[in-house]
Amino acid sequence: MSSDRQDQPTELQENFTLRMRSLGNRTVLYQQNVAASLGLYNNDFLSVDILREKGPITAGELSKLTGLATGSVTSLIDRLEKNGFVRRQNDPNDRRKVIIVPLYEHKEEVSNTYMPLHASMVKLAASYTDEELKLITEFLGKASDVLEEQIHQLSSKTSSKSSS
């Protein structure tokens, strides 16, 4: 019976996946609007968010995480540095590498932009019990892992197509 369940998703499972796609779409649209409100290109702001999540990383790592060519990442970092969102720091372990350090968290315009969303999400979270929040948080972590794997698979296919 469990194989039938995997082969044929239930109506509830289908509705769940549609809601997840809808949330993903709205997240992308929100990020595009945040980027525009800060006067940034969407890829620039996506990189800012990656740096927020990952912390200081090399330009090469940022290139891999964004899927952007290294030359594009260099230009992106130049723009972000010029606008005070990041700074370059020499890698103490390898003088050939530069670490990109995020600075944007202290920028008032960024915190002002995110504060309404943060307040609304805290209000939403307060409507759940601690046990429910633990489950939701666990789910979100696992969903992020699934998406990360799918991104990796898609980027691998794209790389193999472009090299053929």
C-alpha atoms as a PDB file:
ATOM      1  CA  MET A   1       0.000   0.000   0.000  1.00  0.00           C
ATOM      2  CA  SER A   2       2.874   2.404   0.695  1.00  0.00           C
ATOM      3  CA  SER A   3       4.107   2.052  -2.924  1.00  0.00           C
ATOM      4  CA  ASP A   4       0.649   3.098  -4.174  1.00  0.00           C
ATOM      5  CA  ARG A   5       0.900   6.148  -1.975  1.00  0.00           C
ATOM      6  CA  GLN A   6       4.254   7.091  -3.504  1.00  0.00           C
ATOM      7  CA  ASP A   7       3.043   6.406  -7.065  1.00  0.00           C
ATOM      8  CA  GLN A   8      -0.204   8.331  -6.719  1.00  0.00           C
ATOM      9  CA  PRO A   9      -0.051  11.453  -4.558  1.00  0.00           C
ATOM     10  CA  THR A  10      -3.158  12.182  -2.538  1.00  0.00           C
ATOM     11  CA  GLU A  11      -5.220  15.282  -3.186  1.00  0.00           C
ATOM     12  CA  LEU A  12      -3.812  16.748   0.035  1.00  0.00           C
ATOM     13  CA  GLN A  13      -0.229  16.071  -1.110  1.00  0.00           C
ATOM     14  CA  GLU A  14      -0.943  17.641  -4.510  1.00  0.00           C
ATOM     15  CA  ASN A  15      -2.478  20.703  -2.845  1.00  0.00           C
ATOM     16  CA  PHE A  16       0.574  20.901  -0.578  1.00  0.00           C
ATOM     17  CA  THR A  17       3.002  20.912  -3.507  1.00  0.00           C
ATOM     18  CA  LEU A  18       0.940  23.587  -5.283  1.00  0.00           C
ATOM     19  CA  ARG A  19       1.024  25.734  -2.134  1.00  0.00           C
ATOM     20  CA  MET A  20       4.801  25.268  -1.909  1.00  0.00           C
ATOM     21  CA  ARG A  21       5.221  26.406  -5.530  1.00  0.00           C
ATOM     22  CA  SER A  22       2.958  29.368  -4.825  1.00  0.00           C
ATOM     23  CA  LEU A  23       5.057  30.293  -1.779  1.00  0.00           C
ATOM     24  CA  GLY A  24       8.204  30.005  -3.889  1.00  0.00           C
ATOM     25  CA  ASN A  25       6.750  32.290  -6.548  1.00  0.00           C
ATOM     26  CA  ARG A  26       5.755  34.887  -3.989  1.00  0.00           C
ATOM     27  CA  THR A  27       9.177  34.691  -2.366  1.00  0.00           C
ATOM     28  CA  VAL A  28      10.839  35.402  -5.727  1.00  0.00           C
ATOM     29  CA  LEU A  29       8.464  38.307  -6.395  1.00  0.00           C
ATOM     30  CA  TYR A  30       9.048  39.695  -2.909  1.00  0.00           C
ATOM     31  CA  GLN A  31      12.830  39.510  -3.368  1.00  0.00           C
ATOM     32  CA  GLN A  32      12.563  41.275  -6.737  1.00  0.00           C
ATOM     33  CA  ASN A  33      10.552  44.063  -5.125  1.00  0.00           C
ATOM     34  CA  VAL A  34      12.996  44.361  -2.218  1.00  0.00           C
ATOM     35  CA  ALA A  35      15.903  44.534  -4.671  1.00  0.00           C
ATOM     36  CA  ALA A  36      14.164  47.250  -6.701  1.00  0.00           C
ATOM     37  CA  SER A  37      13.318  49.242  -3.566  1.00  0.00           C
ATOM     38  CA  LEU A  38      17.019  49.183  -2.606  1.00  0.00           C
ATOM     39  CA  GLY A  39      18.126  50.134  -6.118  1.00  0.00           C
ATOM     40  CA  LEU A  40      19.768  46.765  -6.755  1.00  0.00           C
ATOM     41  CA  TYR A  41      19.569  44.227  -9.544  1.00  0.00           C
ATOM     42  CA  ASN A  42      17.824  41.011  -8.531  1.00  0.00           C
ATOM     43  CA  ASN A  43      21.030  38.914  -8.843  1.00  0.00           C
ATOM     44  CA  ASP A  44      22.822  41.453  -6.676  1.00  0.00           C
ATOM     45  CA  PHE A  45      20.214  41.186  -3.963  1.00  0.00           C
ATOM     46  CA  LEU A  46      20.072  37.406  -4.273  1.00  0.00           C
ATOM     47  CA  SER A  47      23.822  37.417  -3.619  1.00  0.00           C
ATOM     48  CA  VAL A  48      23.317  39.676  -0.601  1.00  0.00           C
ATOM     49  CA  ASP A  49      20.803  37.168   0.779  1.00  0.00           C
ATOM     50  CA  ILE A  50      23.168  34.251   0.104  1.00  0.00           C
ATOM     51  CA  LEU A  51      25.905  36.086   2.000  1.00  0.00           C
ATOM     52  CA  ARG A  52      23.471  36.717   4.861  1.00  0.00           C
ATOM     53  CA  GLU A  53      22.791  32.994   5.035  1.00  0.00           C
ATOM     54  CA  LYS A  54      26.314  31.650   4.432  1.00  0.00           C
ATOM     55  CA  GLY A  55      28.446  34.415   5.972  1.00  0.00           C
ATOM     56  CA  PRO A  56      31.774  35.505   4.486  1.00  0.00           C
ATOM     57  CA  ILE A  57      32.707  33.376   1.454  1.00  0.00           C
ATOM     58  CA  THR A  58      35.070  33.606  -1.495  1.00  0.00           C
ATOM     59  CA  ALA A  59      34.033  35.023  -4.845  1.00  0.00           C
ATOM     60  CA  GLY A  60      34.429  31.525  -6.313  1.00  0.00           C
ATOM     61  CA  GLU A  61      32.009  30.090  -3.768  1.00  0.00           C
ATOM     62  CA  LEU A  62      29.545  32.893  -4.517  1.00  0.00           C
ATOM     63  CA  SER A  63      29.894  32.091  -8.213  1.00  0.00           C
ATOM     64  CA  LYS A  64      29.021  28.435  -7.567  1.00  0.00           C
ATOM     65  CA  LEU A  65      26.075  29.291  -5.315  1.00  0.00           C
ATOM     66  CA  THR A  66      24.564  31.812  -7.739  1.00  0.00           C
ATOM     67  CA  GLY A  67      25.445  30.030 -10.975  1.00  0.00           C
ATOM     68  CA  LEU A  68      26.991  33.250 -12.274  1.00  0.00           C
ATOM     69  CA  ALA A  69      30.270  33.269 -14.194  1.00  0.00           C
ATOM     70  CA  THR A  70      33.280  34.475 -12.206  1.00  0.00           C
ATOM     71  CA  GLY A  71      33.552  37.655 -14.317  1.00  0.00           C
ATOM     72  CA  SER A  72      29.916  38.470 -13.594  1.00  0.00           C
ATOM     73  CA  VAL A  73      30.482  37.841  -9.888  1.00  0.00           C
ATOM     74  CA  THR A  74      33.446  40.239  -9.907  1.00  0.00           C
ATOM     75  CA  SER A  75      31.260  42.989 -11.392  1.00  0.00           C
ATOM     76  CA  LEU A  76      28.486  42.128  -8.943  1.00  0.00           C
ATOM     77  CA  ILE A  77      30.878  42.398  -5.981  1.00  0.00           C
ATOM     78  CA  ASP A  78      32.159  45.724  -7.332  1.00  0.00           C
ATOM     79  CA  ARG A  79      28.575  47.074  -7.355  1.00  0.00           C
ATOM     80  CA  LEU A  80      27.776  45.720  -3.902  1.00  0.00           C
ATOM     81  CA  GLU A  81      31.013  47.088  -2.467  1.00  0.00           C
ATOM     82  CA  LYS A  82      30.395  50.498  -4.039  1.00  0.00           C
ATOM     83  CA  ASN A  83      26.946  50.608  -2.409  1.00  0.00           C
ATOM     84  CA  GLY A  84      28.225  49.462   1.006  1.00  0.00           C
ATOM     85  CA  PHE A  85      26.638  46.012   1.050  1.00  0.00           C
ATOM     86  CA  VAL A  86      29.933  44.051   1.190  1.00  0.00           C
ATOM     87  CA  ARG A  87      33.649  44.518   1.585  1.00  0.00           C
ATOM     88  CA  ARG A  88      36.547  42.505   0.240  1.00  0.00           C
ATOM     89  CA  GLN A  89      39.000  40.968   2.680  1.00  0.00           C
ATOM     90  CA  ASN A  90      42.162  39.034   1.880  1.00  0.00           C
ATOM     91  CA  ASP A  91      41.968  35.342   2.701  1.00  0.00           C
ATOM     92  CA  PRO A  92      44.522  34.756   5.487  1.00  0.00           C
ATOM     93  CA  ASN A  93      45.060  31.169   4.267  1.00  0.00           C
ATOM     94  CA  ASP A  94      45.486  31.901   0.557  1.00  0.00           C
ATOM     95  CA  ARG A  95      46.668  35.309  -0.642  1.00  0.00           C
ATOM     96  CA  ARG A  96      45.261  34.634  -4.119  1.00  0.00           C
ATOM     97  CA  LYS A  97      41.717  34.512  -2.740  1.00  0.00           C
ATOM     98  CA  VAL A  98      39.466  37.281  -1.542  1.00  0.00           C
ATOM     99  CA  ILE A  99      36.696  36.775   0.977  1.00  0.00           C
ATOM    100  CA  ILE A 100      33.449  38.689   0.513  1.00  0.00           C
ATOM    101  CA  VAL A 101      32.216  39.992   3.869  1.00  0.00           C
ATOM    102  CA  PRO A 102      28.567  41.092   4.161  1.00  0.00           C
ATOM    103  CA  LEU A 103      27.955  44.556   5.652  1.00  0.00           C
ATOM    104  CA  TYR A 104      24.354  45.209   4.718  1.00  0.00           C
ATOM    105  CA  GLU A 105      22.774  44.082   8.007  1.00  0.00           C
ATOM    106  CA  HIS A 106      23.752  47.407   9.536  1.00  0.00           C
ATOM    107  CA  LYS A 107      22.297  49.378   6.662  1.00  0.00           C
ATOM    108  CA  GLU A 108      19.163  51.124   7.855  1.00  0.00           C
ATOM    109  CA  GLU A 109      17.502  50.896   4.443  1.00  0.00           C
ATOM    110  CA  VAL A 110      17.771  47.086   4.513  1.00  0.00           C
ATOM    111  CA  SER A 111      16.396  46.719   8.027  1.00  0.00           C
ATOM    112  CA  ASN A 112      13.596  49.199   7.259  1.00  0.00           C
ATOM    113  CA  THR A 113      12.698  47.220   4.149  1.00  0.00           C
ATOM    114  CA  TYR A 114      12.565  43.879   5.953  1.00  0.00           C
ATOM    115  CA  MET A 115      11.008  45.054   9.225  1.00  0.00           C
ATOM    116  CA  PRO A 116       7.352  44.859   8.054  1.00  0.00           C
ATOM    117  CA  LEU A 117       7.856  41.297   6.776  1.00  0.00           C
ATOM    118  CA  HIS A 118       9.700  40.321   9.951  1.00  0.00           C
ATOM    119  CA  ALA A 119       6.933  41.730  12.156  1.00  0.00           C
ATOM    120  CA  SER A 120       4.242  39.966  10.109  1.00  0.00           C
ATOM    121  CA  MET A 121       6.112  36.658  10.243  1.00  0.00           C
ATOM    122  CA  VAL A 122       6.627  36.953  14.013  1.00  0.00           C
ATOM    123  CA  LYS A 123       2.881  37.615  14.364  1.00  0.00           C
ATOM    124  CA  LEU A 124       2.144  34.566  12.210  1.00  0.00           C
ATOM    125  CA  ALA A 125       4.582  32.425  14.224  1.00  0.00           C
ATOM    126  CA  ALA A 126       2.903  33.550  17.464  1.00  0.00           C
ATOM    127  CA  SER A 127      -0.331  31.935  16.254  1.00  0.00           C
ATOM    128  CA  TYR A 128       1.294  28.482  16.562  1.00  0.00           C
ATOM    129  CA  THR A 129       2.348  26.488  19.605  1.00  0.00           C
ATOM    130  CA  ASP A 130       6.032  25.884  20.300  1.00  0.00           C
ATOM    131  CA  GLU A 131       5.610  22.254  19.204  1.00  0.00           C
ATOM    132  CA  GLU A 132       3.976  23.316  15.952  1.00  0.00           C
ATOM    133  CA  LEU A 133       6.734  25.869  15.318  1.00  0.00           C
ATOM    134  CA  LYS A 134       9.393  23.217  15.890  1.00  0.00           C
ATOM    135  CA  LEU A 135       7.678  20.982  13.319  1.00  0.00           C
ATOM    136  CA  ILE A 136       7.248  23.836  10.829  1.00  0.00           C
ATOM    137  CA  THR A 137      10.871  24.903  11.295  1.00  0.00           C
ATOM    138  CA  GLU A 138      12.066  21.322  10.818  1.00  0.00           C
ATOM    139  CA  PHE A 139       9.944  21.076   7.673  1.00  0.00           C
ATOM    140  CA  LEU A 140      11.322  24.339   6.280  1.00  0.00           C
ATOM    141  CA  GLY A 141      14.877  23.103   6.843  1.00  0.00           C
ATOM    142  CA  LYS A 142      14.131  19.839   5.059  1.00  0.00           C
ATOM    143  CA  ALA A 143      12.299  21.665   2.250  1.00  0.00           C
ATOM    144  CA  SER A 144      15.358  23.902   1.818  1.00  0.00           C
ATOM    145  CA  ASP A 145      17.542  20.793   1.577  1.00  0.00           C
ATOM    146  CA  VAL A 146      15.237  19.332  -1.098  1.00  0.00           C
ATOM    147  CA  LEU A 147      15.391  22.583  -3.069  1.00  0.00           C
ATOM    148  CA  GLU A 148      19.182  22.736  -2.696  1.00  0.00           C
ATOM    149  CA  GLU A 149      19.455  19.222  -4.132  1.00  0.00           C
ATOM    150  CA  GLN A 150      17.117  20.097  -7.005  1.00  0.00           C
ATOM    151  CA  ILE A 151      19.157  23.232  -7.754  1.00  0.00           C
ATOM    152  CA  HIS A 152      22.312  21.121  -7.812  1.00  0.00           C
ATOM    153  CA  GLN A 153      20.727  18.576 -10.165  1.00  0.00           C
ATOM    154  CA  LEU A 154      19.412  21.271 -12.512  1.00  0.00           C
ATOM    155  CA  SER A 155      22.702  23.151 -12.565  1.00  0.00           C
ATOM    156  CA  SER A 156      24.555  19.897 -13.303  1.00  0.00           C
ATOM    157  CA  LYS A 157      22.248  19.243 -16.262  1.00  0.00           C
ATOM    158  CA  THR A 158      22.672  22.823 -17.468  1.00  0.00           C
ATOM    159  CA  SER A 159      26.470  22.557 -17.203  1.00  0.00           C
ATOM    160  CA  SER A 160      26.543  19.320 -19.159  1.00  0.00           C
ATOM    161  CA  LYS A 161      24.275  20.783 -21.875  1.00  0.00           C
ATOM    162  CA  SER A 162      26.391  23.928 -22.251  1.00  0.00           C
ATOM    163  CA  SER A 163      29.610  21.901 -22.505  1.00  0.00           C
ATOM    164  CA  SER A 164      28.213  19.591 -25.209  1.00  0.00           C
END
